[in-house]
Amino acid sequence: MNIGGYQWHLERTGTGPLCLLLHGTGASAHSWQQLIPLLATQHTVVSLDLPGHARTRSTKQADLSLPAMANAILGLLDQLDIPPGPVTGVGHSAGAAILAQMALRRPGCLTRLISLNGALVPLNGLARLTFSPLARASARAPFLSSLFARRVQNPAVLERLLRQTGSTLDTAGIDAYQSLGSDAQHVSGALQMMAAWRLENLYPDLPRLDIPVHFIAAAKDRMIPPRDAYRLQAHIAGSTLDIVDKVGHLAHEEVPDAIARLILRYSTSEQDAPTTHQTEEDVHATAARA
């Protein structure tokens, strides 16, 4: 599907109100594969590869900034036959920021937003001074993408990268990320996205979201610490928060059943009272702030 300068890879299944899934930086629609059948029992589920990632390729010079990516996905949605009724957006990591930008840019495009380990808080201090220039330098040097892709073919390198997420994946999950990391074009798209990423303008506008916002955070997330989720819940009036114990940044790949239950609880609920949930069946929550 060629729309807005991208040849999109999109997957659609199920029936019912739309549930739009957006993955995070460096991943692809594959990361939702265990979750989708669980959500498709009650939703039409649409997942896609983000611009510049995996099988979504640019047909022109790509702008992978947050506003541009939000606009590109809004343009894609305009061309889809969307079932009537509410639209739930579920975003993992950077995918949550894209959904928030979409909802602010076009009120009414989403009925509710569910952020899974959402990357919505701007980097501060040394991380900000180091990360952005490094990403920009890497994005300007194509040979670094090829070099990284070759390095990721070493299982030890990929294992070290995945360990930094705080998650433990099965063999199929590891193989999927090894395949992605070995694709120099995908790596280049991820680096370009990181180089163009700015949350400083989005974060102050988050309280203007006029839809229910639900945060799901993982206690062992080493990339987006749970303290960010507590900060975000305080920042957005009426938002809710669940802290899932014993899993990391890729929680939806580790415990898809538990994450699906949380998503379905919110996507089918008419109650949106602000709260922090301490337990959820076999989703063990922790009140300890990171």
C-alpha atoms as a PDB file:
ATOM      1  CA  MET A   1       0.000   0.000   0.000  1.00  0.00           C
ATOM      2  CA  ASN A   2       1.745   3.136  -1.283  1.00  0.00           C
ATOM      3  CA  ILE A   3       0.537   6.202   0.645  1.00  0.00           C
ATOM      4  CA  GLY A   4       2.237   9.446   1.634  1.00  0.00           C
ATOM      5  CA  GLY A   5       5.690   8.549   0.407  1.00  0.00           C
ATOM      6  CA  TYR A   6       5.792   5.099   2.027  1.00  0.00           C
ATOM      7  CA  GLN A   7       5.215   1.588   0.829  1.00  0.00           C
ATOM      8  CA  TRP A   8       3.445   0.376   3.968  1.00  0.00           C
ATOM      9  CA  HIS A   9       3.477  -3.056   5.512  1.00  0.00           C
ATOM     10  CA  LEU A  10       0.185  -3.477   7.342  1.00  0.00           C
ATOM     11  CA  GLU A  11      -1.570  -6.438   8.956  1.00  0.00           C
ATOM     12  CA  ARG A  12      -5.278  -6.593   9.771  1.00  0.00           C
ATOM     13  CA  THR A  13      -7.357  -9.240  11.500  1.00  0.00           C
ATOM     14  CA  GLY A  14     -10.405  -9.706  13.729  1.00  0.00           C
ATOM     15  CA  THR A  15     -13.759  -7.953  13.917  1.00  0.00           C
ATOM     16  CA  GLY A  16     -15.176  -5.199  16.067  1.00  0.00           C
ATOM     17  CA  PRO A  17     -13.967  -1.698  16.976  1.00  0.00           C
ATOM     18  CA  LEU A  18     -10.517  -0.767  15.731  1.00  0.00           C
ATOM     19  CA  CYS A  19      -7.423  -1.387  17.858  1.00  0.00           C
ATOM     20  CA  LEU A  20      -4.327   0.215  16.311  1.00  0.00           C
ATOM     21  CA  LEU A  21      -0.958  -1.164  17.445  1.00  0.00           C
ATOM     22  CA  LEU A  22       2.248   0.872  17.027  1.00  0.00           C
ATOM     23  CA  HIS A  23       5.585  -0.700  17.921  1.00  0.00           C
ATOM     24  CA  GLY A  24       8.659   1.095  19.227  1.00  0.00           C
ATOM     25  CA  THR A  25      11.965   2.182  17.711  1.00  0.00           C
ATOM     26  CA  GLY A  26      13.955  -0.638  16.156  1.00  0.00           C
ATOM     27  CA  ALA A  27      11.128  -3.174  16.344  1.00  0.00           C
ATOM     28  CA  SER A  28       8.395  -4.091  13.855  1.00  0.00           C
ATOM     29  CA  ALA A  29       4.830  -5.402  13.744  1.00  0.00           C
ATOM     30  CA  HIS A  30       6.280  -8.825  14.597  1.00  0.00           C
ATOM     31  CA  SER A  31       6.477  -7.743  18.257  1.00  0.00           C
ATOM     32  CA  TRP A  32       2.664  -7.933  18.538  1.00  0.00           C
ATOM     33  CA  GLN A  33       2.290 -11.397  16.995  1.00  0.00           C
ATOM     34  CA  GLN A  34       1.391 -13.180  20.250  1.00  0.00           C
ATOM     35  CA  LEU A  35      -0.906 -10.377  21.409  1.00  0.00           C
ATOM     36  CA  ILE A  36      -2.919  -9.932  18.214  1.00  0.00           C
ATOM     37  CA  PRO A  37      -4.998 -13.172  18.352  1.00  0.00           C
ATOM     38  CA  LEU A  38      -6.013 -12.303  21.924  1.00  0.00           C
ATOM     39  CA  LEU A  39      -7.166  -8.801  20.996  1.00  0.00           C
ATOM     40  CA  ALA A  40      -8.798  -9.926  17.740  1.00  0.00           C
ATOM     41  CA  THR A  41     -11.505 -11.722  19.705  1.00  0.00           C
ATOM     42  CA  GLN A  42     -13.069  -8.320  20.383  1.00  0.00           C
ATOM     43  CA  HIS A  43     -11.363  -5.904  17.975  1.00  0.00           C
ATOM     44  CA  THR A  44     -10.402  -5.312  14.395  1.00  0.00           C
ATOM     45  CA  VAL A  45      -6.655  -5.208  15.010  1.00  0.00           C
ATOM     46  CA  VAL A  46      -4.378  -3.232  12.701  1.00  0.00           C
ATOM     47  CA  SER A  47      -0.613  -3.403  13.167  1.00  0.00           C
ATOM     48  CA  LEU A  48       2.011  -1.896  10.890  1.00  0.00           C
ATOM     49  CA  ASP A  49       5.722  -1.398  10.512  1.00  0.00           C
ATOM     50  CA  LEU A  50       6.602   2.214  11.324  1.00  0.00           C
ATOM     51  CA  PRO A  51       8.096   4.392   8.577  1.00  0.00           C
ATOM     52  CA  GLY A  52      11.681   3.380   7.860  1.00  0.00           C
ATOM     53  CA  HIS A  53      11.303   0.141   9.821  1.00  0.00           C
ATOM     54  CA  ALA A  54      11.308  -3.467   8.621  1.00  0.00           C
ATOM     55  CA  ARG A  55       8.967  -3.820   5.606  1.00  0.00           C
ATOM     56  CA  THR A  56       7.656  -0.224   5.449  1.00  0.00           C
ATOM     57  CA  ARG A  57       9.979   1.483   3.018  1.00  0.00           C
ATOM     58  CA  SER A  58      10.242   5.112   2.001  1.00  0.00           C
ATOM     59  CA  THR A  59       9.589   6.020  -1.625  1.00  0.00           C
ATOM     60  CA  LYS A  60      11.191   9.456  -1.163  1.00  0.00           C
ATOM     61  CA  GLN A  61      13.391  11.297   1.333  1.00  0.00           C
ATOM     62  CA  ALA A  62      12.015  10.208   4.685  1.00  0.00           C
ATOM     63  CA  ASP A  63      11.219  12.596   7.531  1.00  0.00           C
ATOM     64  CA  LEU A  64      11.220  10.405  10.632  1.00  0.00           C
ATOM     65  CA  SER A  65      10.559  13.144  13.168  1.00  0.00           C
ATOM     66  CA  LEU A  66       7.718  12.627  15.631  1.00  0.00           C
ATOM     67  CA  PRO A  67       5.277  15.081  13.960  1.00  0.00           C
ATOM     68  CA  ALA A  68       6.041  13.715  10.471  1.00  0.00           C
ATOM     69  CA  MET A  69       5.540  10.103  11.510  1.00  0.00           C
ATOM     70  CA  ALA A  70       2.252  10.979  13.228  1.00  0.00           C
ATOM     71  CA  ASN A  71       1.064  12.750  10.083  1.00  0.00           C
ATOM     72  CA  ALA A  72       2.118   9.818   7.891  1.00  0.00           C
ATOM     73  CA  ILE A  73       0.099   7.341   9.961  1.00  0.00           C
ATOM     74  CA  LEU A  74      -2.914   9.666  10.046  1.00  0.00           C
ATOM     75  CA  GLY A  75      -2.713   9.782   6.251  1.00  0.00           C
ATOM     76  CA  LEU A  76      -2.603   5.998   6.147  1.00  0.00           C
ATOM     77  CA  LEU A  77      -5.663   5.712   8.416  1.00  0.00           C
ATOM     78  CA  ASP A  78      -7.553   8.070   6.093  1.00  0.00           C
ATOM     79  CA  GLN A  79      -7.238   5.436   3.364  1.00  0.00           C
ATOM     80  CA  LEU A  80      -8.355   2.475   5.463  1.00  0.00           C
ATOM     81  CA  ASP A  81     -11.870   1.144   5.783  1.00  0.00           C
ATOM     82  CA  ILE A  82     -12.180   1.653   9.530  1.00  0.00           C
ATOM     83  CA  PRO A  83     -15.127  -0.002  11.290  1.00  0.00           C
ATOM     84  CA  PRO A  84     -17.519   2.383  13.046  1.00  0.00           C
ATOM     85  CA  GLY A  85     -17.173   2.831  16.781  1.00  0.00           C
ATOM     86  CA  PRO A  86     -14.366   3.612  19.212  1.00  0.00           C
ATOM     87  CA  VAL A  87     -10.713   3.518  18.190  1.00  0.00           C
ATOM     88  CA  THR A  88      -8.172   2.281  20.738  1.00  0.00           C
ATOM     89  CA  GLY A  89      -4.533   3.140  20.154  1.00  0.00           C
ATOM     90  CA  VAL A  90      -1.944   0.915  21.825  1.00  0.00           C
ATOM     91  CA  GLY A  91       1.630   2.126  21.584  1.00  0.00           C
ATOM     92  CA  HIS A  92       4.796   0.481  22.836  1.00  0.00           C
ATOM     93  CA  SER A  93       7.698   2.766  23.773  1.00  0.00           C
ATOM     94  CA  ALA A  94       8.029   5.375  20.990  1.00  0.00           C
ATOM     95  CA  GLY A  95       4.768   4.113  19.489  1.00  0.00           C
ATOM     96  CA  ALA A  96       2.944   5.661  22.455  1.00  0.00           C
ATOM     97  CA  ALA A  97       4.465   9.057  21.676  1.00  0.00           C
ATOM     98  CA  ILE A  98       3.349   8.803  18.050  1.00  0.00           C
ATOM     99  CA  LEU A  99      -0.214   8.000  19.132  1.00  0.00           C
ATOM    100  CA  ALA A 100      -0.231  10.933  21.562  1.00  0.00           C
ATOM    101  CA  GLN A 101       1.002  13.240  18.795  1.00  0.00           C
ATOM    102  CA  MET A 102      -1.736  11.932  16.489  1.00  0.00           C
ATOM    103  CA  ALA A 103      -4.428  12.518  19.113  1.00  0.00           C
ATOM    104  CA  LEU A 104      -3.238  16.078  19.725  1.00  0.00           C
ATOM    105  CA  ARG A 105      -2.856  16.821  16.028  1.00  0.00           C
ATOM    106  CA  ARG A 106      -6.277  15.450  15.114  1.00  0.00           C
ATOM    107  CA  PRO A 107      -8.718  15.280  18.048  1.00  0.00           C
ATOM    108  CA  GLY A 108     -11.195  12.455  17.564  1.00  0.00           C
ATOM    109  CA  CYS A 109      -8.844  10.113  15.693  1.00  0.00           C
ATOM    110  CA  LEU A 110      -8.516   8.001  18.865  1.00  0.00           C
ATOM    111  CA  THR A 111     -11.087   7.203  21.531  1.00  0.00           C
ATOM    112  CA  ARG A 112      -8.472   6.142  24.077  1.00  0.00           C
ATOM    113  CA  LEU A 113      -4.704   5.745  24.337  1.00  0.00           C
ATOM    114  CA  ILE A 114      -2.948   2.830  26.029  1.00  0.00           C
ATOM    115  CA  SER A 115       0.771   3.386  26.575  1.00  0.00           C
ATOM    116  CA  LEU A 116       2.903   0.285  27.123  1.00  0.00           C
ATOM    117  CA  ASN A 117       6.267   1.317  28.562  1.00  0.00           C
ATOM    118  CA  GLY A 118       5.725   4.553  26.679  1.00  0.00           C
ATOM    119  CA  ALA A 119       8.694   6.768  25.776  1.00  0.00           C
ATOM    120  CA  LEU A 120       6.979  10.065  26.590  1.00  0.00           C
ATOM    121  CA  VAL A 121       9.347  11.752  29.060  1.00  0.00           C
ATOM    122  CA  PRO A 122      12.219  13.773  27.511  1.00  0.00           C
ATOM    123  CA  LEU A 123      15.768  12.664  28.184  1.00  0.00           C
ATOM    124  CA  ASN A 124      17.604  14.747  30.743  1.00  0.00           C
ATOM    125  CA  GLY A 125      21.177  15.496  31.723  1.00  0.00           C
ATOM    126  CA  LEU A 126      24.038  13.425  30.352  1.00  0.00           C
ATOM    127  CA  ALA A 127      21.722  11.045  28.477  1.00  0.00           C
ATOM    128  CA  ARG A 128      20.317  13.942  26.452  1.00  0.00           C
ATOM    129  CA  LEU A 129      23.758  15.412  25.762  1.00  0.00           C
ATOM    130  CA  THR A 130      25.113  12.036  24.634  1.00  0.00           C
ATOM    131  CA  PHE A 131      22.212  10.238  22.960  1.00  0.00           C
ATOM    132  CA  SER A 132      21.014  12.843  20.447  1.00  0.00           C
ATOM    133  CA  PRO A 133      24.416  13.809  18.963  1.00  0.00           C
ATOM    134  CA  LEU A 134      25.417  10.125  18.779  1.00  0.00           C
ATOM    135  CA  ALA A 135      22.200   9.207  16.957  1.00  0.00           C
ATOM    136  CA  ARG A 136      22.554  12.124  14.533  1.00  0.00           C
ATOM    137  CA  ALA A 137      26.165  11.218  13.770  1.00  0.00           C
ATOM    138  CA  SER A 138      25.224   7.576  13.201  1.00  0.00           C
ATOM    139  CA  ALA A 139      22.318   8.507  10.925  1.00  0.00           C
ATOM    140  CA  ARG A 140      24.630  10.613   8.764  1.00  0.00           C
ATOM    141  CA  ALA A 141      27.101   7.751   8.325  1.00  0.00           C
ATOM    142  CA  PRO A 142      25.484   4.897   6.360  1.00  0.00           C
ATOM    143  CA  PHE A 143      28.483   2.620   6.912  1.00  0.00           C
ATOM    144  CA  LEU A 144      27.658   2.568  10.639  1.00  0.00           C
ATOM    145  CA  SER A 145      24.276   0.980   9.865  1.00  0.00           C
ATOM    146  CA  SER A 146      25.981  -1.774   7.881  1.00  0.00           C
ATOM    147  CA  LEU A 147      28.585  -2.207  10.600  1.00  0.00           C
ATOM    148  CA  PHE A 148      25.906  -2.507  13.289  1.00  0.00           C
ATOM    149  CA  ALA A 149      23.926  -4.975  11.168  1.00  0.00           C
ATOM    150  CA  ARG A 150      27.012  -7.173  10.807  1.00  0.00           C
ATOM    151  CA  ARG A 151      27.706  -7.013  14.547  1.00  0.00           C
ATOM    152  CA  VAL A 152      24.146  -8.031  15.461  1.00  0.00           C
ATOM    153  CA  GLN A 153      24.660 -11.245  13.505  1.00  0.00           C
ATOM    154  CA  ASN A 154      26.815 -12.223  16.470  1.00  0.00           C
ATOM    155  CA  PRO A 155      24.390 -13.831  18.956  1.00  0.00           C
ATOM    156  CA  ALA A 156      26.405 -12.509  21.910  1.00  0.00           C
ATOM    157  CA  VAL A 157      25.943  -8.913  20.734  1.00  0.00           C
ATOM    158  CA  LEU A 158      22.193  -9.320  20.323  1.00  0.00           C
ATOM    159  CA  GLU A 159      21.927 -11.056  23.691  1.00  0.00           C
ATOM    160  CA  ARG A 160      23.667  -8.093  25.320  1.00  0.00           C
ATOM    161  CA  LEU A 161      21.315  -5.622  23.612  1.00  0.00           C
ATOM    162  CA  LEU A 162      18.216  -7.553  24.658  1.00  0.00           C
ATOM    163  CA  ARG A 163      19.513  -7.840  28.210  1.00  0.00           C
ATOM    164  CA  GLN A 164      19.531  -4.043  28.368  1.00  0.00           C
ATOM    165  CA  THR A 165      15.742  -4.079  27.931  1.00  0.00           C
ATOM    166  CA  GLY A 166      15.243  -6.094  31.115  1.00  0.00           C
ATOM    167  CA  SER A 167      13.240  -8.656  29.135  1.00  0.00           C
ATOM    168  CA  THR A 168      13.792 -12.370  28.578  1.00  0.00           C
ATOM    169  CA  LEU A 169      12.575 -13.630  25.201  1.00  0.00           C
ATOM    170  CA  ASP A 170      12.121 -17.112  23.811  1.00  0.00           C
ATOM    171  CA  THR A 171      14.125 -18.405  20.858  1.00  0.00           C
ATOM    172  CA  ALA A 172      11.576 -17.195  18.288  1.00  0.00           C
ATOM    173  CA  GLY A 173      11.618 -13.688  19.762  1.00  0.00           C
ATOM    174  CA  ILE A 174      15.416 -13.557  19.738  1.00  0.00           C
ATOM    175  CA  ASP A 175      15.548 -14.797  16.147  1.00  0.00           C
ATOM    176  CA  ALA A 176      13.087 -12.089  15.055  1.00  0.00           C
ATOM    177  CA  TYR A 177      15.237  -9.310  16.502  1.00  0.00           C
ATOM    178  CA  GLN A 178      18.373 -10.859  15.059  1.00  0.00           C
ATOM    179  CA  SER A 179      16.743 -10.750  11.622  1.00  0.00           C
ATOM    180  CA  LEU A 180      15.744  -7.100  12.072  1.00  0.00           C
ATOM    181  CA  GLY A 181      19.135  -6.089  13.405  1.00  0.00           C
ATOM    182  CA  SER A 182      20.861  -7.755  10.465  1.00  0.00           C
ATOM    183  CA  ASP A 183      18.910  -5.575   8.004  1.00  0.00           C
ATOM    184  CA  ALA A 184      21.050  -2.491   7.342  1.00  0.00           C
ATOM    185  CA  GLN A 185      18.123  -0.558   5.847  1.00  0.00           C
ATOM    186  CA  HIS A 186      16.000  -1.195   8.937  1.00  0.00           C
ATOM    187  CA  VAL A 187      18.889  -0.190  11.212  1.00  0.00           C
ATOM    188  CA  SER A 188      19.368   2.997   9.208  1.00  0.00           C
ATOM    189  CA  GLY A 189      15.657   3.854   9.585  1.00  0.00           C
ATOM    190  CA  ALA A 190      15.808   3.302  13.350  1.00  0.00           C
ATOM    191  CA  LEU A 191      18.895   5.518  13.644  1.00  0.00           C
ATOM    192  CA  GLN A 192      17.281   8.250  11.542  1.00  0.00           C
ATOM    193  CA  MET A 193      14.204   8.123  13.764  1.00  0.00           C
ATOM    194  CA  MET A 194      16.303   8.449  16.931  1.00  0.00           C
ATOM    195  CA  ALA A 195      18.265  11.310  15.406  1.00  0.00           C
ATOM    196  CA  ALA A 196      15.076  13.247  14.626  1.00  0.00           C
ATOM    197  CA  TRP A 197      13.237  12.398  17.859  1.00  0.00           C
ATOM    198  CA  ARG A 198      12.211  15.272  20.134  1.00  0.00           C
ATOM    199  CA  LEU A 199       9.855  14.918  23.102  1.00  0.00           C
ATOM    200  CA  GLU A 200      10.420  18.411  24.520  1.00  0.00           C
ATOM    201  CA  ASN A 201       7.491  19.812  22.543  1.00  0.00           C
ATOM    202  CA  LEU A 202       5.147  16.864  23.104  1.00  0.00           C
ATOM    203  CA  TYR A 203       5.499  16.433  26.858  1.00  0.00           C
ATOM    204  CA  PRO A 204       4.077  19.850  27.894  1.00  0.00           C
ATOM    205  CA  ASP A 205       1.058  19.250  25.618  1.00  0.00           C
ATOM    206  CA  LEU A 206       0.144  15.827  27.027  1.00  0.00           C
ATOM    207  CA  PRO A 207      -2.312  17.271  29.607  1.00  0.00           C
ATOM    208  CA  ARG A 208      -4.352  18.581  26.650  1.00  0.00           C
ATOM    209  CA  LEU A 209      -5.271  15.038  25.605  1.00  0.00           C
ATOM    210  CA  ASP A 210      -9.057  14.863  25.774  1.00  0.00           C
ATOM    211  CA  ILE A 211      -9.319  11.061  25.761  1.00  0.00           C
ATOM    212  CA  PRO A 212      -8.787   8.431  28.476  1.00  0.00           C
ATOM    213  CA  VAL A 213      -5.092   7.606  28.850  1.00  0.00           C
ATOM    214  CA  HIS A 214      -3.912   4.359  30.434  1.00  0.00           C
ATOM    215  CA  PHE A 215      -0.297   3.587  31.312  1.00  0.00           C
ATOM    216  CA  ILE A 216       1.112   0.076  31.574  1.00  0.00           C
ATOM    217  CA  ALA A 217       4.691  -0.054  32.850  1.00  0.00           C
ATOM    218  CA  ALA A 218       7.045  -2.950  33.627  1.00  0.00           C
ATOM    219  CA  ALA A 219       8.891  -3.164  36.933  1.00  0.00           C
ATOM    220  CA  LYS A 220      12.078  -4.544  35.313  1.00  0.00           C
ATOM    221  CA  ASP A 221      12.149  -2.131  32.356  1.00  0.00           C
ATOM    222  CA  ARG A 222      15.732  -0.882  32.062  1.00  0.00           C
ATOM    223  CA  MET A 223      14.988   1.440  29.131  1.00  0.00           C
ATOM    224  CA  ILE A 224      11.872   3.314  30.328  1.00  0.00           C
ATOM    225  CA  PRO A 225      11.931   3.105  34.144  1.00  0.00           C
ATOM    226  CA  PRO A 226       8.598   2.827  35.997  1.00  0.00           C
ATOM    227  CA  ARG A 227       9.260   6.197  37.667  1.00  0.00           C
ATOM    228  CA  ASP A 228       8.493   7.762  34.258  1.00  0.00           C
ATOM    229  CA  ALA A 229       5.045   6.159  34.348  1.00  0.00           C
ATOM    230  CA  TYR A 230       4.338   7.560  37.815  1.00  0.00           C
ATOM    231  CA  ARG A 231       5.432  10.974  36.582  1.00  0.00           C
ATOM    232  CA  LEU A 232       3.187  10.702  33.542  1.00  0.00           C
ATOM    233  CA  GLN A 233       0.178   9.632  35.577  1.00  0.00           C
ATOM    234  CA  ALA A 234       0.611  12.725  37.752  1.00  0.00           C
ATOM    235  CA  HIS A 235       1.082  14.842  34.606  1.00  0.00           C
ATOM    236  CA  ILE A 236      -2.169  13.754  32.898  1.00  0.00           C
ATOM    237  CA  ALA A 237      -5.298  14.210  34.988  1.00  0.00           C
ATOM    238  CA  GLY A 238      -7.576  11.167  35.082  1.00  0.00           C
ATOM    239  CA  SER A 239      -5.006   8.742  33.659  1.00  0.00           C
ATOM    240  CA  THR A 240      -4.587   5.229  35.061  1.00  0.00           C
ATOM    241  CA  LEU A 241      -1.481   3.169  35.731  1.00  0.00           C
ATOM    242  CA  ASP A 242      -0.667  -0.545  36.033  1.00  0.00           C
ATOM    243  CA  ILE A 243       2.818  -1.686  37.008  1.00  0.00           C
ATOM    244  CA  VAL A 244       3.511  -5.237  35.806  1.00  0.00           C
ATOM    245  CA  ASP A 245       6.044  -7.149  37.867  1.00  0.00           C
ATOM    246  CA  LYS A 246       8.795  -9.548  36.748  1.00  0.00           C
ATOM    247  CA  VAL A 247       9.004  -8.362  33.111  1.00  0.00           C
ATOM    248  CA  GLY A 248      10.928  -5.707  31.201  1.00  0.00           C
ATOM    249  CA  HIS A 249      10.597  -3.311  28.284  1.00  0.00           C
ATOM    250  CA  LEU A 250       9.255  -6.003  25.941  1.00  0.00           C
ATOM    251  CA  ALA A 251       6.523  -7.023  28.391  1.00  0.00           C
ATOM    252  CA  HIS A 252       3.982  -7.703  25.619  1.00  0.00           C
ATOM    253  CA  GLU A 253       6.325 -10.330  24.184  1.00  0.00           C
ATOM    254  CA  GLU A 254       7.039 -11.906  27.567  1.00  0.00           C
ATOM    255  CA  VAL A 255       3.501 -12.087  29.019  1.00  0.00           C
ATOM    256  CA  PRO A 256       1.076 -11.450  26.120  1.00  0.00           C
ATOM    257  CA  ASP A 257      -1.894 -12.985  27.943  1.00  0.00           C
ATOM    258  CA  ALA A 258      -1.535 -10.642  30.900  1.00  0.00           C
ATOM    259  CA  ILE A 259      -0.987  -7.548  28.740  1.00  0.00           C
ATOM    260  CA  ALA A 260      -3.978  -8.478  26.566  1.00  0.00           C
ATOM    261  CA  ARG A 261      -6.196  -8.677  29.647  1.00  0.00           C
ATOM    262  CA  LEU A 262      -5.166  -5.188  30.700  1.00  0.00           C
ATOM    263  CA  ILE A 263      -5.735  -3.781  27.205  1.00  0.00           C
ATOM    264  CA  LEU A 264      -9.144  -5.425  26.886  1.00  0.00           C
ATOM    265  CA  ARG A 265     -10.152  -4.264  30.346  1.00  0.00           C
ATOM    266  CA  TYR A 266      -9.627  -0.669  29.260  1.00  0.00           C
ATOM    267  CA  SER A 267     -10.683  -0.902  25.608  1.00  0.00           C
ATOM    268  CA  THR A 268     -14.059  -2.379  26.572  1.00  0.00           C
ATOM    269  CA  SER A 269     -14.611  -0.373  29.772  1.00  0.00           C
ATOM    270  CA  GLU A 270     -16.736   2.709  30.243  1.00  0.00           C
ATOM    271  CA  GLN A 271     -15.139   3.447  33.627  1.00  0.00           C
ATOM    272  CA  ASP A 272     -12.092   5.681  33.505  1.00  0.00           C
ATOM    273  CA  ALA A 273     -11.561   6.738  37.123  1.00  0.00           C
ATOM    274  CA  PRO A 274      -7.913   7.672  37.880  1.00  0.00           C
ATOM    275  CA  THR A 275      -6.135   4.942  39.800  1.00  0.00           C
ATOM    276  CA  THR A 276      -2.930   2.997  40.225  1.00  0.00           C
ATOM    277  CA  HIS A 277      -3.691  -0.729  40.146  1.00  0.00           C
ATOM    278  CA  GLN A 278      -1.681  -2.837  42.573  1.00  0.00           C
ATOM    279  CA  THR A 279      -2.782  -6.266  41.358  1.00  0.00           C
ATOM    280  CA  GLU A 280      -4.448  -7.706  38.271  1.00  0.00           C
ATOM    281  CA  GLU A 281      -5.022 -11.448  38.394  1.00  0.00           C
ATOM    282  CA  ASP A 282      -1.674 -12.944  37.441  1.00  0.00           C
ATOM    283  CA  VAL A 283      -0.309  -9.497  36.569  1.00  0.00           C
ATOM    284  CA  HIS A 284       1.599  -8.821  39.768  1.00  0.00           C
ATOM    285  CA  ALA A 285       1.985  -5.103  40.373  1.00  0.00           C
ATOM    286  CA  THR A 286       4.495  -3.382  42.553  1.00  0.00           C
ATOM    287  CA  ALA A 287       4.078  -0.131  44.444  1.00  0.00           C
ATOM    288  CA  ALA A 288       7.807   0.369  44.768  1.00  0.00           C
ATOM    289  CA  ARG A 289       8.898   3.322  42.690  1.00  0.00           C
ATOM    290  CA  ALA A 290      12.069   2.812  40.671  1.00  0.00           C
END
